[in-house]
C-alpha atoms as a PDB file:
ATOM      1  CA  MET A   1    -167.650  91.418-222.048  1.00  0.00           C
ATOM      2  CA  LYS A   2    -166.701  87.882-223.036  1.00  0.00           C
ATOM      3  CA  LYS A   3    -165.520  89.104-226.293  1.00  0.00           C
ATOM      4  CA  ASN A   4    -163.158  91.535-224.556  1.00  0.00           C
ATOM      5  CA  ILE A   5    -161.860  88.773-222.319  1.00  0.00           C
ATOM      6  CA  HIS A   6    -161.137  86.571-225.337  1.00  0.00           C
ATOM      7  CA  LEU A   7    -159.276  89.482-227.005  1.00  0.00           C
ATOM      8  CA  PHE A   8    -157.241  90.221-223.824  1.00  0.00           C
ATOM      9  CA  LEU A   9    -156.319  86.554-223.320  1.00  0.00           C
ATOM     10  CA  SER A  10    -155.133  86.308-226.872  1.00  0.00           C
ATOM     11  CA  ILE A  11    -152.913  89.297-226.472  1.00  0.00           C
ATOM     12  CA  THR A  12    -151.711  88.077-223.112  1.00  0.00           C
ATOM     13  CA  LEU A  13    -150.812  84.585-224.251  1.00  0.00           C
ATOM     14  CA  LEU A  14    -149.086  85.955-227.395  1.00  0.00           C
ATOM     15  CA  THR A  15    -147.054  88.385-225.327  1.00  0.00           C
ATOM     16  CA  THR A  16    -146.183  85.745-222.769  1.00  0.00           C
ATOM     17  CA  ASN A  17    -144.898  83.410-225.371  1.00  0.00           C
ATOM     18  CA  ILE A  18    -142.832  86.172-227.087  1.00  0.00           C
ATOM     19  CA  VAL A  19    -141.253  87.148-223.803  1.00  0.00           C
ATOM     20  CA  LEU A  20    -140.802  83.739-222.140  1.00  0.00           C
ATOM     21  CA  SER A  21    -140.571  81.524-225.224  1.00  0.00           C
ATOM     22  CA  GLY A  22    -143.384  79.355-223.899  1.00  0.00           C
ATOM     23  CA  ASN A  23    -142.119  79.356-220.292  1.00  0.00           C
ATOM     24  CA  ASP A  24    -145.073  79.453-217.808  1.00  0.00           C
ATOM     25  CA  ASP A  25    -142.525  79.550-214.978  1.00  0.00           C
ATOM     26  CA  TYR A  26    -142.355  83.390-214.767  1.00  0.00           C
ATOM     27  CA  LEU A  27    -138.923  84.851-214.117  1.00  0.00           C
ATOM     28  CA  LEU A  28    -138.372  86.687-210.848  1.00  0.00           C
ATOM     29  CA  GLY A  29    -135.706  88.893-209.292  1.00  0.00           C
ATOM     30  CA  ALA A  30    -134.301  92.227-210.374  1.00  0.00           C
ATOM     31  CA  ARG A  31    -130.690  91.044-210.013  1.00  0.00           C
ATOM     32  CA  SER A  32    -131.145  88.123-212.379  1.00  0.00           C
ATOM     33  CA  SER A  33    -133.259  90.202-214.781  1.00  0.00           C
ATOM     34  CA  ALA A  34    -130.493  92.833-215.072  1.00  0.00           C
ATOM     35  CA  MET A  35    -128.107  89.928-215.951  1.00  0.00           C
ATOM     36  CA  GLY A  36    -130.304  88.662-218.804  1.00  0.00           C
ATOM     37  CA  ASN A  37    -131.860  86.044-216.458  1.00  0.00           C
ATOM     38  CA  ALA A  38    -128.665  83.984-216.542  1.00  0.00           C
ATOM     39  CA  SER A  39    -129.455  82.863-212.997  1.00  0.00           C
ATOM     40  CA  VAL A  40    -129.143  79.068-212.761  1.00  0.00           C
ATOM     41  CA  THR A  41    -125.703  79.472-211.016  1.00  0.00           C
ATOM     42  CA  LEU A  42    -126.565  82.388-208.695  1.00  0.00           C
ATOM     43  CA  ALA A  43    -126.880  81.755-204.926  1.00  0.00           C
ATOM     44  CA  ASP A  44    -129.201  84.057-203.079  1.00  0.00           C
ATOM     45  CA  ALA A  45    -132.784  84.003-201.665  1.00  0.00           C
ATOM     46  CA  TRP A  46    -134.237  84.145-205.262  1.00  0.00           C
ATOM     47  CA  SER A  47    -132.685  80.725-205.842  1.00  0.00           C
ATOM     48  CA  ALA A  48    -135.885  79.506-204.311  1.00  0.00           C
ATOM     49  CA  HIS A  49    -137.314  80.225-207.762  1.00  0.00           C
ATOM     50  CA  HIS A  50    -134.357  80.025-210.176  1.00  0.00           C
ATOM     51  CA  ASN A  51    -132.411  76.981-208.922  1.00  0.00           C
ATOM     52  CA  GLN A  52    -133.160  75.677-205.518  1.00  0.00           C
ATOM     53  CA  ALA A  53    -129.607  74.284-205.129  1.00  0.00           C
ATOM     54  CA  GLY A  54    -128.393  77.882-204.665  1.00  0.00           C
ATOM     55  CA  LEU A  55    -130.340  78.134-201.409  1.00  0.00           C
ATOM     56  CA  ALA A  56    -127.812  75.813-199.809  1.00  0.00           C
ATOM     57  CA  PHE A  57    -125.218  78.669-199.812  1.00  0.00           C
ATOM     58  CA  VAL A  58    -127.557  81.234-198.286  1.00  0.00           C
ATOM     59  CA  GLY A  59    -126.392  81.682-194.673  1.00  0.00           C
ATOM     60  CA  ASP A  60    -128.901  84.240-193.403  1.00  0.00           C
ATOM     61  CA  TYR A  61    -132.652  84.313-192.890  1.00  0.00           C
ATOM     62  CA  THR A  62    -133.737  86.385-195.920  1.00  0.00           C
ATOM     63  CA  GLY A  63    -137.082  87.677-197.210  1.00  0.00           C
ATOM     64  CA  GLY A  64    -137.646  89.543-200.466  1.00  0.00           C
ATOM     65  CA  VAL A  65    -140.365  91.024-202.663  1.00  0.00           C
ATOM     66  CA  TYR A  66    -140.331  91.830-206.407  1.00  0.00           C
ATOM     67  CA  TYR A  67    -142.477  93.720-208.894  1.00  0.00           C
ATOM     68  CA  GLU A  68    -142.259  93.920-212.674  1.00  0.00           C
ATOM     69  CA  ASP A  69    -144.329  96.338-214.726  1.00  0.00           C
ATOM     70  CA  ARG A  70    -144.096  94.331-218.000  1.00  0.00           C
ATOM     71  CA  PHE A  71    -144.124  96.595-220.952  1.00  0.00           C
ATOM     72  CA  LEU A  72    -145.712  99.183-218.716  1.00  0.00           C
ATOM     73  CA  LEU A  73    -148.974  97.309-218.761  1.00  0.00           C
ATOM     74  CA  LYS A  74    -150.460  96.671-215.283  1.00  0.00           C
ATOM     75  CA  GLU A  75    -152.495  93.733-216.763  1.00  0.00           C
ATOM     76  CA  LEU A  76    -149.195  91.892-217.475  1.00  0.00           C
ATOM     77  CA  SER A  77    -147.516  92.784-214.157  1.00  0.00           C
ATOM     78  CA  ILE A  78    -145.560  90.108-212.208  1.00  0.00           C
ATOM     79  CA  LYS A  79    -145.317  90.150-208.394  1.00  0.00           C
ATOM     80  CA  GLY A  80    -143.244  87.763-206.319  1.00  0.00           C
ATOM     81  CA  ALA A  81    -142.013  87.054-202.765  1.00  0.00           C
ATOM     82  CA  VAL A  82    -139.416  84.725-201.382  1.00  0.00           C
ATOM     83  CA  LEU A  83    -138.220  83.544-198.010  1.00  0.00           C
ATOM     84  CA  ALA A  84    -134.976  81.649-197.305  1.00  0.00           C
ATOM     85  CA  ILE A  85    -134.756  79.841-193.923  1.00  0.00           C
ATOM     86  CA  PRO A  86    -131.402  78.187-193.141  1.00  0.00           C
ATOM     87  CA  VAL A  87    -131.559  75.226-190.681  1.00  0.00           C
ATOM     88  CA  LYS A  88    -129.074  72.810-189.340  1.00  0.00           C
ATOM     89  CA  GLY A  89    -129.402  70.311-192.245  1.00  0.00           C
ATOM     90  CA  GLY A  90    -129.848  72.722-195.128  1.00  0.00           C
ATOM     91  CA  THR A  91    -132.138  75.645-196.229  1.00  0.00           C
ATOM     92  CA  PHE A  92    -135.808  75.835-196.729  1.00  0.00           C
ATOM     93  CA  GLY A  93    -137.286  78.195-199.315  1.00  0.00           C
ATOM     94  CA  LEU A  94    -140.749  79.643-199.946  1.00  0.00           C
ATOM     95  CA  CYS A  95    -141.700  81.383-203.090  1.00  0.00           C
ATOM     96  CA  VAL A  96    -144.960  82.971-204.362  1.00  0.00           C
ATOM     97  CA  THR A  97    -145.576  84.290-207.847  1.00  0.00           C
ATOM     98  CA  ASP A  98    -148.606  86.307-209.095  1.00  0.00           C
ATOM     99  CA  PHE A  99    -149.219  87.195-212.753  1.00  0.00           C
ATOM    100  CA  GLY A 100    -152.123  89.063-214.375  1.00  0.00           C
ATOM    101  CA  TYR A 101    -155.113  90.964-213.074  1.00  0.00           C
ATOM    102  CA  LYS A 102    -158.742  90.441-212.024  1.00  0.00           C
ATOM    103  CA  LEU A 103    -159.888  88.898-215.371  1.00  0.00           C
ATOM    104  CA  TYR A 104    -156.952  86.575-215.765  1.00  0.00           C
ATOM    105  CA  LYS A 105    -154.723  85.387-212.982  1.00  0.00           C
ATOM    106  CA  GLU A 106    -151.879  82.847-212.618  1.00  0.00           C
ATOM    107  CA  ASN A 107    -150.347  81.937-209.254  1.00  0.00           C
ATOM    108  CA  LYS A 108    -147.457  79.699-208.185  1.00  0.00           C
ATOM    109  CA  TYR A 109    -146.730  78.585-204.608  1.00  0.00           C
ATOM    110  CA  SER A 110    -143.490  76.733-204.080  1.00  0.00           C
ATOM    111  CA  LEU A 111    -141.899  75.031-201.093  1.00  0.00           C
ATOM    112  CA  SER A 112    -138.206  74.029-201.567  1.00  0.00           C
ATOM    113  CA  PHE A 113    -135.261  72.508-199.705  1.00  0.00           C
ATOM    114  CA  ALA A 114    -131.535  72.577-200.460  1.00  0.00           C
ATOM    115  CA  LYS A 115    -128.510  70.917-198.989  1.00  0.00           C
ATOM    116  CA  ALA A 116    -124.800  71.506-199.436  1.00  0.00           C
ATOM    117  CA  PHE A 117    -122.412  68.571-199.572  1.00  0.00           C
ATOM    118  CA  GLY A 118    -119.241  70.311-198.465  1.00  0.00           C
ATOM    119  CA  ASN A 119    -118.501  73.651-199.967  1.00  0.00           C
ATOM    120  CA  LYS A 120    -118.362  72.550-203.644  1.00  0.00           C
ATOM    121  CA  PHE A 121    -121.625  70.869-204.336  1.00  0.00           C
ATOM    122  CA  SER A 122    -125.294  71.388-203.537  1.00  0.00           C
ATOM    123  CA  ALA A 123    -128.679  69.990-204.598  1.00  0.00           C
ATOM    124  CA  GLY A 124    -132.236  71.257-204.203  1.00  0.00           C
ATOM    125  CA  VAL A 125    -135.784  70.243-204.905  1.00  0.00           C
ATOM    126  CA  ALA A 126    -139.109  72.025-204.879  1.00  0.00           C
ATOM    127  CA  MET A 127    -142.814  71.165-204.929  1.00  0.00           C
ATOM    128  CA  ASP A 128    -145.074  73.651-206.714  1.00  0.00           C
ATOM    129  CA  TYR A 129    -148.816  74.326-206.747  1.00  0.00           C
ATOM    130  CA  LEU A 130    -149.916  76.312-209.766  1.00  0.00           C
ATOM    131  CA  SER A 131    -153.347  77.704-210.396  1.00  0.00           C
ATOM    132  CA  THR A 132    -154.940  79.627-213.301  1.00  0.00           C
ATOM    133  CA  ARG A 133    -158.263  81.566-212.910  1.00  0.00           C
ATOM    134  CA  VAL A 134    -160.225  83.185-215.715  1.00  0.00           C
ATOM    135  CA  ALA A 135    -163.140  85.480-214.788  1.00  0.00           C
ATOM    136  CA  GLU A 136    -166.653  85.656-216.291  1.00  0.00           C
ATOM    137  CA  GLY A 137    -167.525  82.025-215.582  1.00  0.00           C
ATOM    138  CA  TYR A 138    -164.571  80.443-217.357  1.00  0.00           C
ATOM    139  CA  GLY A 139    -163.422  78.873-214.041  1.00  0.00           C
ATOM    140  CA  SER A 140    -160.115  77.849-212.659  1.00  0.00           C
ATOM    141  CA  ARG A 141    -157.606  75.013-212.824  1.00  0.00           C
ATOM    142  CA  ALA A 142    -154.746  73.895-210.610  1.00  0.00           C
ATOM    143  CA  VAL A 143    -151.832  71.393-210.849  1.00  0.00           C
ATOM    144  CA  PHE A 144    -148.848  70.203-208.819  1.00  0.00           C
ATOM    145  CA  ALA A 145    -145.342  70.230-210.345  1.00  0.00           C
ATOM    146  CA  ALA A 146    -141.806  69.616-209.194  1.00  0.00           C
ATOM    147  CA  GLU A 147    -138.354  71.108-209.734  1.00  0.00           C
ATOM    148  CA  VAL A 148    -134.814  69.855-209.151  1.00  0.00           C
ATOM    149  CA  GLY A 149    -131.441  71.516-209.369  1.00  0.00           C
ATOM    150  CA  ILE A 150    -127.731  71.170-208.676  1.00  0.00           C
ATOM    151  CA  GLN A 151    -124.709  73.523-208.410  1.00  0.00           C
ATOM    152  CA  ALA A 152    -121.086  72.607-208.383  1.00  0.00           C
ATOM    153  CA  LYS A 153    -117.789  74.526-207.924  1.00  0.00           C
ATOM    154  CA  PRO A 154    -115.117  72.281-209.456  1.00  0.00           C
ATOM    155  CA  LEU A 155    -112.485  75.080-209.777  1.00  0.00           C
ATOM    156  CA  LYS A 156    -111.748  78.268-207.877  1.00  0.00           C
ATOM    157  CA  GLY A 157    -114.038  81.030-209.185  1.00  0.00           C
ATOM    158  CA  LEU A 158    -116.081  78.659-211.428  1.00  0.00           C
ATOM    159  CA  THR A 159    -119.679  77.585-210.658  1.00  0.00           C
ATOM    160  CA  LEU A 160    -121.773  75.247-212.754  1.00  0.00           C
ATOM    161  CA  GLY A 161    -125.474  74.847-212.492  1.00  0.00           C
ATOM    162  CA  ALA A 162    -128.302  72.764-213.872  1.00  0.00           C
ATOM    163  CA  HIS A 163    -132.075  72.845-213.186  1.00  0.00           C
ATOM    164  CA  ILE A 164    -135.176  71.004-214.451  1.00  0.00           C
ATOM    165  CA  TYR A 165    -138.603  72.509-214.147  1.00  0.00           C
ATOM    166  CA  ASN A 166    -141.488  69.971-214.252  1.00  0.00           C
ATOM    167  CA  PRO A 167    -139.456  66.787-215.037  1.00  0.00           C
ATOM    168  CA  THR A 168    -142.647  64.736-214.565  1.00  0.00           C
ATOM    169  CA  ARG A 169    -144.490  66.630-217.336  1.00  0.00           C
ATOM    170  CA  ALA A 170    -147.473  67.410-215.048  1.00  0.00           C
ATOM    171  CA  LYS A 171    -150.834  67.274-216.982  1.00  0.00           C
ATOM    172  CA  ILE A 172    -153.025  70.435-217.002  1.00  0.00           C
ATOM    173  CA  ALA A 173    -155.956  68.880-218.804  1.00  0.00           C
ATOM    174  CA  ALA A 174    -156.930  65.550-220.312  1.00  0.00           C
ATOM    175  CA  TYR A 175    -158.174  67.348-223.497  1.00  0.00           C
ATOM    176  CA  ASP A 176    -155.455  67.238-226.129  1.00  0.00           C
ATOM    177  CA  ASP A 177    -153.099  65.906-223.398  1.00  0.00           C
ATOM    178  CA  GLU A 178    -152.258  69.476-222.320  1.00  0.00           C
ATOM    179  CA  ARG A 179    -149.187  69.596-219.996  1.00  0.00           C
ATOM    180  CA  LEU A 180    -146.991  72.146-218.196  1.00  0.00           C
ATOM    181  CA  PRO A 181    -143.808  72.901-220.083  1.00  0.00           C
ATOM    182  CA  THR A 182    -140.646  70.930-219.083  1.00  0.00           C
ATOM    183  CA  ILE A 183    -137.660  73.260-219.108  1.00  0.00           C
ATOM    184  CA  ILE A 184    -134.041  72.408-218.762  1.00  0.00           C
ATOM    185  CA  ARG A 185    -131.418  75.053-217.880  1.00  0.00           C
ATOM    186  CA  ILE A 186    -127.663  74.654-217.811  1.00  0.00           C
ATOM    187  CA  GLY A 187    -125.110  77.367-217.122  1.00  0.00           C
ATOM    188  CA  ALA A 188    -121.872  78.565-215.655  1.00  0.00           C
ATOM    189  CA  ASN A 189    -120.519  81.683-214.059  1.00  0.00           C
ATOM    190  CA  TYR A 190    -116.928  82.747-213.449  1.00  0.00           C
ATOM    191  CA  LEU A 191    -115.647  85.084-210.748  1.00  0.00           C
ATOM    192  CA  PHE A 192    -112.826  86.907-212.436  1.00  0.00           C
ATOM    193  CA  SER A 193    -112.080  88.857-209.207  1.00  0.00           C
ATOM    194  CA  ASP A 194    -113.970  89.824-206.123  1.00  0.00           C
ATOM    195  CA  LYS A 195    -115.544  92.529-208.285  1.00  0.00           C
ATOM    196  CA  VAL A 196    -116.637  90.875-211.568  1.00  0.00           C
ATOM    197  CA  ILE A 197    -118.978  87.876-212.235  1.00  0.00           C
ATOM    198  CA  LEU A 198    -119.762  86.707-215.809  1.00  0.00           C
ATOM    199  CA  ALA A 199    -122.681  84.330-216.167  1.00  0.00           C
ATOM    200  CA  VAL A 200    -123.864  82.326-219.292  1.00  0.00           C
ATOM    201  CA  GLU A 201    -126.766  79.997-219.578  1.00  0.00           C
ATOM    202  CA  THR A 202    -128.793  77.865-222.042  1.00  0.00           C
ATOM    203  CA  GLU A 203    -132.507  77.283-221.438  1.00  0.00           C
ATOM    204  CA  LYS A 204    -134.421  74.592-223.362  1.00  0.00           C
ATOM    205  CA  ASP A 205    -138.147  74.086-223.255  1.00  0.00           C
ATOM    206  CA  ILE A 206    -138.576  70.631-224.750  1.00  0.00           C
ATOM    207  CA  SER A 207    -141.155  72.075-227.201  1.00  0.00           C
ATOM    208  CA  PHE A 208    -139.226  75.104-228.364  1.00  0.00           C
ATOM    209  CA  LYS A 209    -135.850  76.139-229.593  1.00  0.00           C
ATOM    210  CA  PRO A 210    -133.120  76.917-226.963  1.00  0.00           C
ATOM    211  CA  VAL A 211    -132.670  80.341-225.434  1.00  0.00           C
ATOM    212  CA  PHE A 212    -129.209  81.737-224.736  1.00  0.00           C
ATOM    213  CA  LYS A 213    -128.474  84.188-221.977  1.00  0.00           C
ATOM    214  CA  ALA A 214    -125.499  86.071-220.696  1.00  0.00           C
ATOM    215  CA  GLY A 215    -124.980  88.639-217.976  1.00  0.00           C
ATOM    216  CA  ILE A 216    -122.270  90.433-216.016  1.00  0.00           C
ATOM    217  CA  GLU A 217    -122.181  92.012-212.553  1.00  0.00           C
ATOM    218  CA  TYR A 218    -119.519  94.510-211.536  1.00  0.00           C
ATOM    219  CA  LYS A 219    -119.062  95.590-207.902  1.00  0.00           C
ATOM    220  CA  ILE A 220    -117.907  99.152-208.016  1.00  0.00           C
ATOM    221  CA  VAL A 221    -117.701  99.403-204.208  1.00  0.00           C
ATOM    222  CA  LYS A 222    -118.909  97.160-201.439  1.00  0.00           C
ATOM    223  CA  GLU A 223    -122.379  98.789-201.409  1.00  0.00           C
ATOM    224  CA  PHE A 224    -122.958  99.308-205.146  1.00  0.00           C
ATOM    225  CA  TYR A 225    -123.242  96.938-208.133  1.00  0.00           C
ATOM    226  CA  LEU A 226    -123.756  97.555-211.879  1.00  0.00           C
ATOM    227  CA  ARG A 227    -125.262  94.768-214.094  1.00  0.00           C
ATOM    228  CA  ALA A 228    -126.035  94.152-217.776  1.00  0.00           C
ATOM    229  CA  GLY A 229    -127.285  91.262-219.791  1.00  0.00           C
ATOM    230  CA  ILE A 230    -128.758  89.902-223.044  1.00  0.00           C
ATOM    231  CA  SER A 231    -130.904  86.960-224.116  1.00  0.00           C
ATOM    232  CA  SER A 232    -132.173  85.468-227.374  1.00  0.00           C
ATOM    233  CA  LEU A 233    -135.562  84.352-228.699  1.00  0.00           C
ATOM    234  CA  PRO A 234    -136.536  87.151-228.643  1.00  0.00           C
ATOM    235  CA  VAL A 235    -133.449  89.377-228.357  1.00  0.00           C
ATOM    236  CA  MET A 236    -133.789  91.243-225.064  1.00  0.00           C
ATOM    237  CA  SER A 237    -131.227  93.589-223.498  1.00  0.00           C
ATOM    238  CA  SER A 238    -131.218  94.361-219.785  1.00  0.00           C
ATOM    239  CA  PHE A 239    -129.399  96.506-217.255  1.00  0.00           C
ATOM    240  CA  GLY A 240    -129.635  97.582-213.670  1.00  0.00           C
ATOM    241  CA  PHE A 241    -127.905  98.238-210.374  1.00  0.00           C
ATOM    242  CA  GLY A 242    -127.925  96.977-206.786  1.00  0.00           C
ATOM    243  CA  ILE A 243    -127.429  98.745-203.482  1.00  0.00           C
ATOM    244  CA  ASN A 244    -126.419  96.767-200.383  1.00  0.00           C
ATOM    245  CA  LEU A 245    -126.775  98.555-197.039  1.00  0.00           C
ATOM    246  CA  LYS A 246    -125.838  96.112-194.277  1.00  0.00           C
ATOM    247  CA  ASN A 247    -128.939  93.903-194.023  1.00  0.00           C
ATOM    248  CA  PHE A 248    -131.036  95.680-196.663  1.00  0.00           C
ATOM    249  CA  ARG A 249    -130.674  95.222-200.385  1.00  0.00           C
ATOM    250  CA  MET A 250    -132.400  97.002-203.248  1.00  0.00           C
ATOM    251  CA  ASP A 251    -132.116  95.887-206.875  1.00  0.00           C
ATOM    252  CA  VAL A 252    -133.399  97.973-209.790  1.00  0.00           C
ATOM    253  CA  SER A 253    -133.454  96.690-213.427  1.00  0.00           C
ATOM    254  CA  ALA A 254    -135.127  97.030-216.765  1.00  0.00           C
ATOM    255  CA  ALA A 255    -135.412  94.787-219.786  1.00  0.00           C
ATOM    256  CA  TYR A 256    -135.929  96.178-223.284  1.00  0.00           C
ATOM    257  CA  HIS A 257    -137.676  94.548-226.263  1.00  0.00           C
ATOM    258  CA  GLN A 258    -137.294  96.432-229.535  1.00  0.00           C
ATOM    259  CA  VAL A 259    -140.990  96.149-230.349  1.00  0.00           C
ATOM    260  CA  LEU A 260    -142.757  95.896-227.023  1.00  0.00           C
ATOM    261  CA  GLY A 261    -140.569  98.368-225.142  1.00  0.00           C
ATOM    262  CA  PHE A 262    -139.385  98.512-221.501  1.00  0.00           C
ATOM    263  CA  SER A 263    -140.196  96.332-218.504  1.00  0.00           C
ATOM    264  CA  PRO A 264    -138.964  97.969-215.305  1.00  0.00           C
ATOM    265  CA  GLN A 265    -138.371  95.770-212.252  1.00  0.00           C
ATOM    266  CA  LEU A 266    -137.763  96.402-208.555  1.00  0.00           C
ATOM    267  CA  GLY A 267    -136.571  93.960-205.863  1.00  0.00           C
ATOM    268  CA  LEU A 268    -136.240  94.595-202.160  1.00  0.00           C
ATOM    269  CA  SER A 269    -134.797  92.128-199.592  1.00  0.00           C
ATOM    270  CA  TYR A 270    -133.770  92.011-195.954  1.00  0.00           C
ATOM    271  CA  SER A 271    -131.487  89.574-194.207  1.00  0.00           C
ATOM    272  CA  ILE A 272    -131.103  88.618-190.537  1.00  0.00           C
ATOM    273  CA  GLY A 273    -127.896  86.841-189.525  1.00  0.00           C
ATOM    274  CA  ARG A 274    -128.394  83.470-187.864  1.00  0.00           C
ATOM    275  CA  SER A 275    -126.035  84.570-185.085  1.00  0.00           C
ATOM    276  CA  ASN A 276    -128.596  87.231-184.124  1.00  0.00           C
ATOM    277  CA  ASN A 277    -131.213  84.599-183.287  1.00  0.00           C
END
């Protein structure tokens, strides 16, 4: 049994490194996935995970759930949930991430806060609690980490964003000075019209080569969006669509790796206007 666990963990860690380039901060959200995960400049409830500064521009109470069937293997599935809570002085965010299955499990619990300074600049911070559990007597480990992000709108239609995950280089274990990855993301998006958004982003884990991402979102009608994206290291293509029906939103996407295959994703969210409360 332990031999099987060792084998599974080896495959899991290899696959995780291939997909995320060493990023233990698992990506969430079907909208951002469809756009190649170029999400550091987006502003929606999932900013509680991508870049907390984006929460400052979320005006409604919003909750969402997400599921990814990574490479159609339930053992590599990712589940997530977010909650955005606007208050008088800013916006609070809650985010939960779950990766793995009963023999190997990783969880992240995050509390964030974002504040807008006028309508052109925002900043956000988050405190994370991350835990890893391995079955069959291998035990578990937990650690705290932080995140910080900003967004700026210097010109009409242009949004700039920057985010740092784990700037303090939180230590996982004393042995071999094992630490969580520190990841820096910088990006921009441009609203060409009220129908088309183009987003680009660079992500740099300080221990790995940079990753480049790009995505586009096209609003065909008010209720329907088409999206596509691409990312490097490894080369991944993605596509998807979104349906907005008043307060309810559904986002469907899929990412494709030429060796490992498809990873379908589904996101559902519901918003309640502050004026209704």
